[in-house]
Amino acid sequence: MHGLALIPSALIALTLFRSGLTRKDIYLVPGNLNARVAGLGPVRWTLLVPVLVLVMIFALSEQLRYILGNTHAAQKPDWFALVVLSATFAAINAANEEFRFRFVLLARGRRSVGARAAFWMTSLNFGLAHWGSGHPGGPTGALTTALFAMLLARSLYDTEGGLWAWLMHAASDIIILVVVLLRVG
């Protein structure tokens, strides 16, 4: 069933043939990982990303505890399996969602409606996509996911590449999956 999520990405990829967009245009390059964060003076992405991941560990855990309740799975977790499963899922899901919700849409949107409008449209789209069927979900999930999407889009614009966005997204997916699996088994 989850393989169905790859269909929109495949269709989006088909639109790239003869589009004139390069890998760099659609952020399929690492980019300048040491780029400055726009609006934060001398702060660079190499400093901001690790700090944000640490904040996400606490914030996402608390948000999911609020949404899912304070229950825990009855069995002790197999930590090796949990980490491997979470990391594998996160790497694939983050790549798929970044490509589908940001990489191509921002590249096309910048050309058609401008960078600012593309930024807002893709961020709101990502938040709304998590409202009913995402983790975190509901109104708080949609809001925090839209804000997170703005951060990811900002990293794409600043670094002119997708590596930081993919890594931050994968880190958040690992945190979410570990918390969810520990709570529901």
N, C-alpha and C. Protein backbone atom coordinates (compact mmCIF):
# COMPACT_ATOMS: atom_id res chain seq x y z
N MET A 1 0.81 -1.19 0.00
CA MET A 1 0.00 0.00 0.00
C MET A 1 0.87 1.27 0.00
N HIS A 2 1.96 1.27 0.78
CA HIS A 2 2.81 2.46 0.84
C HIS A 2 3.54 2.70 -0.47
N GLY A 3 3.68 1.68 -1.30
CA GLY A 3 4.29 1.86 -2.61
C GLY A 3 3.49 2.81 -3.49
N LEU A 4 2.22 2.95 -3.20
CA LEU A 4 1.37 3.87 -3.96
C LEU A 4 1.85 5.32 -3.82
N ALA A 5 2.52 5.61 -2.72
CA ALA A 5 3.02 6.98 -2.50
C ALA A 5 4.09 7.35 -3.52
N LEU A 6 4.70 6.35 -4.13
CA LEU A 6 5.73 6.62 -5.13
C LEU A 6 5.15 7.00 -6.50
N ILE A 7 3.88 6.71 -6.72
CA ILE A 7 3.25 7.01 -8.02
C ILE A 7 3.27 8.50 -8.33
N PRO A 8 2.86 9.39 -7.40
CA PRO A 8 2.93 10.82 -7.74
C PRO A 8 4.36 11.27 -8.05
N SER A 9 5.34 10.73 -7.33
CA SER A 9 6.73 11.09 -7.60
C SER A 9 7.16 10.63 -8.99
N ALA A 10 6.73 9.45 -9.36
CA ALA A 10 7.06 8.95 -10.70
C ALA A 10 6.42 9.82 -11.77
N LEU A 11 5.19 10.23 -11.56
CA LEU A 11 4.52 11.10 -12.53
C LEU A 11 5.18 12.47 -12.60
N ILE A 12 5.58 13.00 -11.44
CA ILE A 12 6.30 14.28 -11.43
C ILE A 12 7.62 14.14 -12.17
N ALA A 13 8.30 13.02 -11.96
CA ALA A 13 9.58 12.79 -12.65
C ALA A 13 9.39 12.75 -14.16
N LEU A 14 8.28 12.20 -14.62
CA LEU A 14 8.01 12.15 -16.06
C LEU A 14 7.88 13.55 -16.65
N THR A 15 7.42 14.50 -15.87
CA THR A 15 7.27 15.86 -16.39
C THR A 15 8.62 16.54 -16.62
N LEU A 16 9.67 15.95 -16.09
CA LEU A 16 10.99 16.58 -16.21
C LEU A 16 11.65 16.33 -17.56
N PHE A 17 11.21 15.28 -18.27
CA PHE A 17 11.79 15.02 -19.58
C PHE A 17 11.53 16.20 -20.50
N ARG A 18 12.57 16.68 -21.11
CA ARG A 18 12.52 17.81 -22.04
C ARG A 18 12.01 19.11 -21.41
N SER A 19 12.14 19.21 -20.09
CA SER A 19 11.66 20.43 -19.41
C SER A 19 12.72 21.52 -19.41
N GLY A 20 13.97 21.13 -19.64
CA GLY A 20 15.05 22.09 -19.58
C GLY A 20 15.61 22.30 -18.18
N LEU A 21 14.99 21.67 -17.18
CA LEU A 21 15.48 21.79 -15.81
C LEU A 21 16.66 20.84 -15.60
N THR A 22 17.68 21.33 -14.94
CA THR A 22 18.86 20.51 -14.65
C THR A 22 18.73 19.91 -13.25
N ARG A 23 19.65 18.99 -12.91
CA ARG A 23 19.67 18.42 -11.56
C ARG A 23 19.82 19.52 -10.53
N LYS A 24 20.64 20.52 -10.83
CA LYS A 24 20.83 21.63 -9.89
C LYS A 24 19.54 22.45 -9.76
N ASP A 25 18.82 22.64 -10.86
CA ASP A 25 17.56 23.39 -10.80
C ASP A 25 16.55 22.74 -9.85
N ILE A 26 16.54 21.41 -9.83
CA ILE A 26 15.57 20.71 -8.97
C ILE A 26 16.23 20.20 -7.68
N TYR A 27 17.35 20.78 -7.32
CA TYR A 27 18.02 20.54 -6.03
C TYR A 27 18.52 19.12 -5.84
N LEU A 28 18.75 18.39 -6.92
CA LEU A 28 19.29 17.04 -6.83
C LEU A 28 20.81 17.06 -6.80
N VAL A 29 21.37 18.01 -6.09
CA VAL A 29 22.80 18.14 -5.83
C VAL A 29 22.93 18.49 -4.35
N PRO A 30 24.08 18.19 -3.73
CA PRO A 30 24.23 18.51 -2.30
C PRO A 30 24.10 20.01 -2.01
N GLY A 31 24.64 20.85 -2.87
CA GLY A 31 24.62 22.28 -2.64
C GLY A 31 25.77 22.72 -1.76
N ASN A 32 25.77 23.98 -1.39
CA ASN A 32 26.80 24.54 -0.51
C ASN A 32 26.35 24.32 0.93
N LEU A 33 26.83 23.24 1.54
CA LEU A 33 26.38 22.85 2.88
C LEU A 33 26.75 23.88 3.94
N ASN A 34 27.76 24.70 3.67
CA ASN A 34 28.22 25.70 4.62
C ASN A 34 27.63 27.09 4.33
N ALA A 35 26.60 27.14 3.53
CA ALA A 35 25.98 28.43 3.17
C ALA A 35 25.40 29.10 4.41
N ARG A 36 25.29 30.41 4.35
CA ARG A 36 24.68 31.17 5.44
C ARG A 36 23.16 31.02 5.38
N VAL A 37 22.56 31.08 6.55
CA VAL A 37 21.10 31.02 6.66
C VAL A 37 20.57 32.43 6.43
N ALA A 38 19.76 32.59 5.42
CA ALA A 38 19.23 33.92 5.09
C ALA A 38 18.50 34.52 6.29
N GLY A 39 18.85 35.76 6.59
CA GLY A 39 18.20 36.46 7.68
C GLY A 39 18.81 36.23 9.05
N LEU A 40 19.80 35.35 9.15
CA LEU A 40 20.42 35.07 10.45
C LEU A 40 21.89 35.47 10.49
N GLY A 41 22.25 36.44 9.69
CA GLY A 41 23.61 36.97 9.71
C GLY A 41 24.67 35.91 9.44
N PRO A 42 25.60 35.72 10.39
CA PRO A 42 26.70 34.81 10.14
C PRO A 42 26.38 33.33 10.37
N VAL A 43 25.16 33.01 10.81
CA VAL A 43 24.81 31.62 11.11
C VAL A 43 24.80 30.80 9.82
N ARG A 44 25.45 29.66 9.88
CA ARG A 44 25.54 28.77 8.71
C ARG A 44 24.72 27.50 8.94
N TRP A 45 24.34 26.88 7.84
CA TRP A 45 23.54 25.66 7.91
C TRP A 45 24.28 24.54 8.63
N THR A 46 25.60 24.51 8.56
CA THR A 46 26.36 23.46 9.25
C THR A 46 26.22 23.57 10.77
N LEU A 47 25.91 24.74 11.29
CA LEU A 47 25.64 24.91 12.71
C LEU A 47 24.16 24.73 13.02
N LEU A 48 23.30 25.27 12.18
CA LEU A 48 21.87 25.26 12.45
C LEU A 48 21.26 23.86 12.40
N VAL A 49 21.65 23.05 11.45
CA VAL A 49 21.02 21.73 11.29
C VAL A 49 21.21 20.85 12.52
N PRO A 50 22.41 20.68 13.06
CA PRO A 50 22.53 19.84 14.27
C PRO A 50 21.71 20.37 15.45
N VAL A 51 21.67 21.69 15.61
CA VAL A 51 20.87 22.28 16.69
C VAL A 51 19.38 21.97 16.47
N LEU A 52 18.93 22.13 15.24
CA LEU A 52 17.52 21.86 14.94
C LEU A 52 17.16 20.39 15.16
N VAL A 53 18.05 19.49 14.80
CA VAL A 53 17.76 18.07 15.01
C VAL A 53 17.62 17.77 16.50
N LEU A 54 18.47 18.36 17.32
CA LEU A 54 18.34 18.17 18.77
C LEU A 54 17.02 18.73 19.30
N VAL A 55 16.62 19.88 18.80
CA VAL A 55 15.34 20.47 19.20
C VAL A 55 14.19 19.58 18.73
N MET A 56 14.30 19.04 17.51
CA MET A 56 13.24 18.18 16.96
C MET A 56 13.05 16.93 17.81
N ILE A 57 14.14 16.37 18.35
CA ILE A 57 14.00 15.16 19.16
C ILE A 57 13.03 15.42 20.30
N PHE A 58 13.22 16.52 21.01
CA PHE A 58 12.33 16.84 22.12
C PHE A 58 10.95 17.26 21.63
N ALA A 59 10.90 18.19 20.69
CA ALA A 59 9.63 18.77 20.25
C ALA A 59 8.71 17.73 19.62
N LEU A 60 9.25 16.93 18.72
CA LEU A 60 8.42 15.90 18.07
C LEU A 60 7.97 14.84 19.06
N SER A 61 8.86 14.46 19.96
CA SER A 61 8.49 13.46 20.97
C SER A 61 7.33 13.97 21.82
N GLU A 62 7.42 15.22 22.24
CA GLU A 62 6.35 15.80 23.07
C GLU A 62 5.06 15.97 22.28
N GLN A 63 5.17 16.41 21.04
CA GLN A 63 3.96 16.59 20.24
C GLN A 63 3.28 15.25 20.01
N LEU A 64 4.05 14.21 19.70
CA LEU A 64 3.47 12.89 19.48
C LEU A 64 2.92 12.31 20.78
N ARG A 65 3.56 12.58 21.91
CA ARG A 65 3.04 12.13 23.21
C ARG A 65 1.68 12.78 23.45
N TYR A 66 1.56 14.05 23.11
CA TYR A 66 0.30 14.77 23.26
C TYR A 66 -0.79 14.16 22.36
N ILE A 67 -0.42 13.86 21.11
CA ILE A 67 -1.39 13.33 20.15
C ILE A 67 -1.74 11.87 20.44
N LEU A 68 -0.72 11.04 20.73
CA LEU A 68 -0.93 9.60 20.89
C LEU A 68 -1.25 9.19 22.33
N GLY A 69 -1.04 10.07 23.27
CA GLY A 69 -1.21 9.72 24.67
C GLY A 69 0.09 9.19 25.23
N ASN A 70 0.06 8.81 26.47
CA ASN A 70 1.29 8.41 27.15
C ASN A 70 1.38 6.89 27.29
N THR A 71 0.83 6.18 26.33
CA THR A 71 0.89 4.72 26.37
C THR A 71 2.21 4.24 25.77
N HIS A 72 2.57 3.02 26.15
CA HIS A 72 3.80 2.43 25.64
C HIS A 72 3.49 1.01 25.18
N ALA A 73 4.25 0.52 24.23
CA ALA A 73 4.08 -0.84 23.75
C ALA A 73 4.37 -1.81 24.90
N ALA A 74 3.68 -2.94 24.90
CA ALA A 74 3.83 -3.91 25.98
C ALA A 74 5.18 -4.63 25.93
N GLN A 75 5.73 -4.79 24.75
CA GLN A 75 6.97 -5.54 24.60
C GLN A 75 8.18 -4.61 24.63
N LYS A 76 9.32 -5.16 25.07
CA LYS A 76 10.57 -4.41 24.99
C LYS A 76 10.98 -4.35 23.52
N PRO A 77 11.44 -3.20 23.07
CA PRO A 77 11.79 -3.08 21.65
C PRO A 77 13.12 -3.79 21.33
N ASP A 78 13.19 -4.29 20.12
CA ASP A 78 14.45 -4.78 19.56
C ASP A 78 15.10 -3.55 18.95
N TRP A 79 16.03 -2.92 19.67
CA TRP A 79 16.58 -1.63 19.27
C TRP A 79 17.27 -1.69 17.92
N PHE A 80 17.98 -2.77 17.63
CA PHE A 80 18.66 -2.87 16.34
C PHE A 80 17.65 -2.84 15.20
N ALA A 81 16.61 -3.66 15.33
CA ALA A 81 15.57 -3.71 14.29
C ALA A 81 14.85 -2.37 14.19
N LEU A 82 14.59 -1.75 15.33
CA LEU A 82 13.91 -0.47 15.35
C LEU A 82 14.71 0.61 14.63
N VAL A 83 16.00 0.65 14.90
CA VAL A 83 16.86 1.66 14.26
C VAL A 83 17.00 1.39 12.77
N VAL A 84 17.23 0.15 12.38
CA VAL A 84 17.39 -0.18 10.95
C VAL A 84 16.10 0.10 10.19
N LEU A 85 14.97 -0.33 10.75
CA LEU A 85 13.68 -0.09 10.10
C LEU A 85 13.41 1.41 9.98
N SER A 86 13.63 2.14 11.06
CA SER A 86 13.37 3.58 11.06
C SER A 86 14.27 4.31 10.08
N ALA A 87 15.56 3.99 10.08
CA ALA A 87 16.50 4.68 9.19
C ALA A 87 16.21 4.38 7.73
N THR A 88 15.88 3.14 7.43
CA THR A 88 15.58 2.76 6.04
C THR A 88 14.31 3.46 5.56
N PHE A 89 13.26 3.37 6.36
CA PHE A 89 12.01 4.03 6.00
C PHE A 89 12.23 5.54 5.84
N ALA A 90 12.94 6.13 6.80
CA ALA A 90 13.14 7.58 6.79
C ALA A 90 13.90 8.04 5.55
N ALA A 91 14.93 7.32 5.18
CA ALA A 91 15.72 7.70 4.00
C ALA A 91 14.86 7.69 2.74
N ILE A 92 14.06 6.65 2.59
CA ILE A 92 13.21 6.52 1.40
C ILE A 92 12.08 7.54 1.43
N ASN A 93 11.39 7.64 2.56
CA ASN A 93 10.27 8.56 2.67
C ASN A 93 10.70 10.01 2.50
N ALA A 94 11.82 10.38 3.11
CA ALA A 94 12.30 11.76 3.00
C ALA A 94 12.67 12.09 1.55
N ALA A 95 13.33 11.16 0.88
CA ALA A 95 13.70 11.40 -0.53
C ALA A 95 12.44 11.55 -1.38
N ASN A 96 11.46 10.68 -1.16
CA ASN A 96 10.23 10.74 -1.93
C ASN A 96 9.47 12.04 -1.66
N GLU A 97 9.30 12.39 -0.39
CA GLU A 97 8.53 13.59 -0.08
C GLU A 97 9.25 14.87 -0.46
N GLU A 98 10.56 14.92 -0.33
CA GLU A 98 11.29 16.12 -0.76
C GLU A 98 11.16 16.30 -2.26
N PHE A 99 11.31 15.22 -3.01
CA PHE A 99 11.18 15.30 -4.46
C PHE A 99 9.77 15.73 -4.84
N ARG A 100 8.79 15.10 -4.21
CA ARG A 100 7.38 15.31 -4.55
C ARG A 100 6.83 16.65 -4.09
N PHE A 101 7.18 17.07 -2.89
CA PHE A 101 6.58 18.28 -2.33
C PHE A 101 7.45 19.53 -2.46
N ARG A 102 8.75 19.37 -2.71
CA ARG A 102 9.60 20.55 -2.73
C ARG A 102 10.49 20.66 -3.96
N PHE A 103 11.33 19.69 -4.20
CA PHE A 103 12.37 19.85 -5.23
C PHE A 103 11.82 20.33 -6.56
N VAL A 104 10.93 19.58 -7.14
CA VAL A 104 10.41 19.91 -8.47
C VAL A 104 9.42 21.07 -8.40
N LEU A 105 8.55 21.06 -7.39
CA LEU A 105 7.55 22.13 -7.30
C LEU A 105 8.19 23.49 -7.06
N LEU A 106 9.24 23.56 -6.25
CA LEU A 106 9.93 24.84 -6.05
C LEU A 106 10.62 25.28 -7.33
N ALA A 107 11.25 24.35 -8.03
CA ALA A 107 11.94 24.70 -9.28
C ALA A 107 10.95 25.23 -10.31
N ARG A 108 9.84 24.54 -10.47
CA ARG A 108 8.83 24.99 -11.44
C ARG A 108 8.13 26.25 -10.94
N GLY A 109 7.84 26.29 -9.65
CA GLY A 109 7.15 27.44 -9.09
C GLY A 109 7.97 28.72 -9.15
N ARG A 110 9.26 28.61 -8.94
CA ARG A 110 10.12 29.80 -9.02
C ARG A 110 10.02 30.43 -10.40
N ARG A 111 9.93 29.59 -11.42
CA ARG A 111 9.85 30.09 -12.80
C ARG A 111 8.48 30.66 -13.12
N SER A 112 7.43 30.06 -12.54
CA SER A 112 6.09 30.48 -12.96
C SER A 112 5.44 31.51 -12.04
N VAL A 113 5.60 31.39 -10.71
CA VAL A 113 4.94 32.33 -9.81
C VAL A 113 5.92 33.10 -8.93
N GLY A 114 7.19 32.80 -9.03
CA GLY A 114 8.21 33.48 -8.23
C GLY A 114 8.60 32.67 -7.01
N ALA A 115 9.79 32.96 -6.49
CA ALA A 115 10.36 32.19 -5.38
C ALA A 115 9.51 32.29 -4.11
N ARG A 116 9.05 33.48 -3.78
CA ARG A 116 8.29 33.67 -2.53
C ARG A 116 6.96 32.92 -2.57
N ALA A 117 6.23 33.04 -3.67
CA ALA A 117 4.94 32.35 -3.78
C ALA A 117 5.15 30.83 -3.79
N ALA A 118 6.17 30.36 -4.49
CA ALA A 118 6.45 28.92 -4.52
C ALA A 118 6.79 28.41 -3.12
N PHE A 119 7.55 29.21 -2.38
CA PHE A 119 7.93 28.87 -1.01
C PHE A 119 6.67 28.66 -0.16
N TRP A 120 5.75 29.62 -0.18
CA TRP A 120 4.54 29.53 0.62
C TRP A 120 3.62 28.42 0.15
N MET A 121 3.45 28.30 -1.16
CA MET A 121 2.55 27.29 -1.69
C MET A 121 3.00 25.87 -1.34
N THR A 122 4.29 25.59 -1.52
CA THR A 122 4.77 24.24 -1.23
C THR A 122 4.75 23.96 0.27
N SER A 123 5.02 24.96 1.08
CA SER A 123 5.01 24.76 2.54
C SER A 123 3.60 24.48 3.05
N LEU A 124 2.64 25.27 2.60
CA LEU A 124 1.25 25.05 3.01
C LEU A 124 0.72 23.71 2.48
N ASN A 125 1.10 23.36 1.27
CA ASN A 125 0.69 22.09 0.69
C ASN A 125 1.20 20.93 1.54
N PHE A 126 2.45 21.00 1.97
CA PHE A 126 3.04 19.93 2.77
C PHE A 126 2.34 19.84 4.13
N GLY A 127 2.06 20.98 4.74
CA GLY A 127 1.35 20.96 6.01
C GLY A 127 -0.04 20.37 5.88
N LEU A 128 -0.78 20.79 4.87
CA LEU A 128 -2.13 20.27 4.67
C LEU A 128 -2.12 18.77 4.34
N ALA A 129 -1.09 18.30 3.66
CA ALA A 129 -0.99 16.88 3.34
C ALA A 129 -0.85 16.04 4.60
N HIS A 130 -0.34 16.64 5.68
CA HIS A 130 -0.17 15.90 6.93
C HIS A 130 -1.36 16.04 7.88
N TRP A 131 -2.33 16.88 7.53
CA TRP A 131 -3.47 17.12 8.41
C TRP A 131 -4.19 15.82 8.76
N GLY A 132 -4.59 15.08 7.75
CA GLY A 132 -5.42 13.90 8.00
C GLY A 132 -4.68 12.59 8.03
N SER A 133 -3.54 12.52 7.37
CA SER A 133 -2.91 11.20 7.25
C SER A 133 -1.42 11.21 7.56
N GLY A 134 -0.97 12.16 8.31
CA GLY A 134 0.46 12.21 8.59
C GLY A 134 0.77 12.13 10.06
N HIS A 135 2.03 11.96 10.33
CA HIS A 135 2.53 12.05 11.71
C HIS A 135 3.53 13.16 11.71
N PRO A 136 3.35 14.18 12.48
CA PRO A 136 2.17 14.42 13.31
C PRO A 136 1.00 14.89 12.46
N GLY A 137 -0.20 14.57 12.90
CA GLY A 137 -1.39 14.91 12.14
C GLY A 137 -2.26 15.92 12.87
N GLY A 138 -3.44 16.14 12.32
CA GLY A 138 -4.37 17.08 12.92
C GLY A 138 -3.92 18.52 12.74
N PRO A 139 -4.61 19.44 13.37
CA PRO A 139 -4.28 20.86 13.19
C PRO A 139 -2.87 21.22 13.67
N THR A 140 -2.46 20.67 14.84
CA THR A 140 -1.11 21.00 15.32
C THR A 140 -0.05 20.38 14.41
N GLY A 141 -0.34 19.20 13.91
CA GLY A 141 0.60 18.54 12.99
C GLY A 141 0.72 19.29 11.68
N ALA A 142 -0.42 19.77 11.17
CA ALA A 142 -0.39 20.53 9.92
C ALA A 142 0.40 21.82 10.09
N LEU A 143 0.19 22.49 11.20
CA LEU A 143 0.90 23.75 11.45
C LEU A 143 2.40 23.52 11.60
N THR A 144 2.78 22.58 12.45
CA THR A 144 4.22 22.36 12.65
C THR A 144 4.89 21.80 11.40
N THR A 145 4.16 20.99 10.65
CA THR A 145 4.72 20.44 9.42
C THR A 145 4.89 21.53 8.37
N ALA A 146 3.95 22.45 8.30
CA ALA A 146 4.09 23.58 7.36
C ALA A 146 5.29 24.45 7.75
N LEU A 147 5.46 24.70 9.04
CA LEU A 147 6.63 25.47 9.49
C LEU A 147 7.93 24.73 9.18
N PHE A 148 7.93 23.43 9.39
CA PHE A 148 9.10 22.61 9.06
C PHE A 148 9.38 22.67 7.56
N ALA A 149 8.32 22.63 6.76
CA ALA A 149 8.48 22.72 5.31
C ALA A 149 9.10 24.05 4.90
N MET A 150 8.75 25.12 5.61
CA MET A 150 9.37 26.42 5.33
C MET A 150 10.87 26.37 5.61
N LEU A 151 11.24 25.73 6.68
CA LEU A 151 12.66 25.57 7.01
C LEU A 151 13.38 24.77 5.92
N LEU A 152 12.75 23.69 5.48
CA LEU A 152 13.36 22.85 4.44
C LEU A 152 13.51 23.63 3.13
N ALA A 153 12.47 24.37 2.76
CA ALA A 153 12.53 25.17 1.54
C ALA A 153 13.61 26.24 1.65
N ARG A 154 13.72 26.86 2.82
CA ARG A 154 14.76 27.88 3.04
C ARG A 154 16.15 27.26 2.85
N SER A 155 16.32 26.04 3.33
CA SER A 155 17.63 25.39 3.15
C SER A 155 17.92 25.13 1.68
N LEU A 156 16.89 24.81 0.91
CA LEU A 156 17.08 24.60 -0.53
C LEU A 156 17.50 25.90 -1.20
N TYR A 157 16.82 26.98 -0.89
CA TYR A 157 17.13 28.27 -1.49
C TYR A 157 18.54 28.74 -1.10
N ASP A 158 18.88 28.59 0.19
CA ASP A 158 20.17 29.10 0.67
C ASP A 158 21.35 28.29 0.15
N THR A 159 21.21 26.97 0.15
CA THR A 159 22.35 26.11 -0.23
C THR A 159 22.37 25.77 -1.71
N GLU A 160 21.25 25.99 -2.39
CA GLU A 160 21.08 25.61 -3.80
C GLU A 160 21.32 24.11 -4.01
N GLY A 161 20.90 23.35 -3.02
CA GLY A 161 21.00 21.90 -3.08
C GLY A 161 20.04 21.28 -2.08
N GLY A 162 19.86 19.96 -2.19
CA GLY A 162 18.86 19.29 -1.39
C GLY A 162 19.35 18.43 -0.24
N LEU A 163 20.65 18.40 0.01
CA LEU A 163 21.15 17.46 1.02
C LEU A 163 20.68 17.81 2.43
N TRP A 164 20.77 19.09 2.83
CA TRP A 164 20.33 19.44 4.19
C TRP A 164 18.84 19.18 4.35
N ALA A 165 18.04 19.51 3.36
CA ALA A 165 16.59 19.27 3.46
C ALA A 165 16.31 17.79 3.62
N TRP A 166 16.97 16.97 2.83
CA TRP A 166 16.76 15.53 2.91
C TRP A 166 17.21 14.99 4.28
N LEU A 167 18.36 15.42 4.76
CA LEU A 167 18.86 14.94 6.06
C LEU A 167 17.96 15.37 7.21
N MET A 168 17.51 16.62 7.20
CA MET A 168 16.61 17.07 8.27
C MET A 168 15.28 16.32 8.22
N HIS A 169 14.78 16.12 7.02
CA HIS A 169 13.52 15.40 6.87
C HIS A 169 13.68 13.95 7.34
N ALA A 170 14.78 13.31 6.94
CA ALA A 170 15.03 11.94 7.37
C ALA A 170 15.17 11.86 8.89
N ALA A 171 15.86 12.82 9.49
CA ALA A 171 16.01 12.83 10.95
C ALA A 171 14.65 12.94 11.63
N SER A 172 13.79 13.80 11.12
CA SER A 172 12.46 13.93 11.73
C SER A 172 11.65 12.65 11.55
N ASP A 173 11.78 12.01 10.39
CA ASP A 173 11.06 10.75 10.17
C ASP A 173 11.55 9.64 11.10
N ILE A 174 12.86 9.60 11.35
CA ILE A 174 13.39 8.61 12.29
C ILE A 174 12.80 8.84 13.68
N ILE A 175 12.81 10.08 14.11
CA ILE A 175 12.27 10.40 15.44
C ILE A 175 10.80 10.01 15.51
N ILE A 176 10.04 10.39 14.50
CA ILE A 176 8.60 10.08 14.50
C ILE A 176 8.36 8.58 14.53
N LEU A 177 9.05 7.85 13.68
CA LEU A 177 8.82 6.41 13.60
C LEU A 177 9.22 5.72 14.90
N VAL A 178 10.33 6.09 15.49
CA VAL A 178 10.75 5.48 16.75
C VAL A 178 9.72 5.75 17.84
N VAL A 179 9.27 6.99 17.95
CA VAL A 179 8.29 7.34 18.98
C VAL A 179 6.98 6.58 18.75
N VAL A 180 6.51 6.57 17.51
CA VAL A 180 5.25 5.88 17.21
C VAL A 180 5.38 4.39 17.50
N LEU A 181 6.46 3.76 17.07
CA LEU A 181 6.62 2.33 17.31
C LEU A 181 6.77 2.01 18.80
N LEU A 182 7.42 2.87 19.53
CA LEU A 182 7.55 2.64 20.98
C LEU A 182 6.20 2.80 21.69
N ARG A 183 5.33 3.61 21.14
CA ARG A 183 4.04 3.85 21.79
C ARG A 183 2.98 2.81 21.41
N VAL A 184 3.00 2.38 20.15
CA VAL A 184 1.93 1.47 19.71
C VAL A 184 2.41 0.05 19.45
N GLY A 185 3.70 -0.18 19.47
CA GLY A 185 4.24 -1.52 19.30
C GLY A 185 4.48 -1.84 17.95
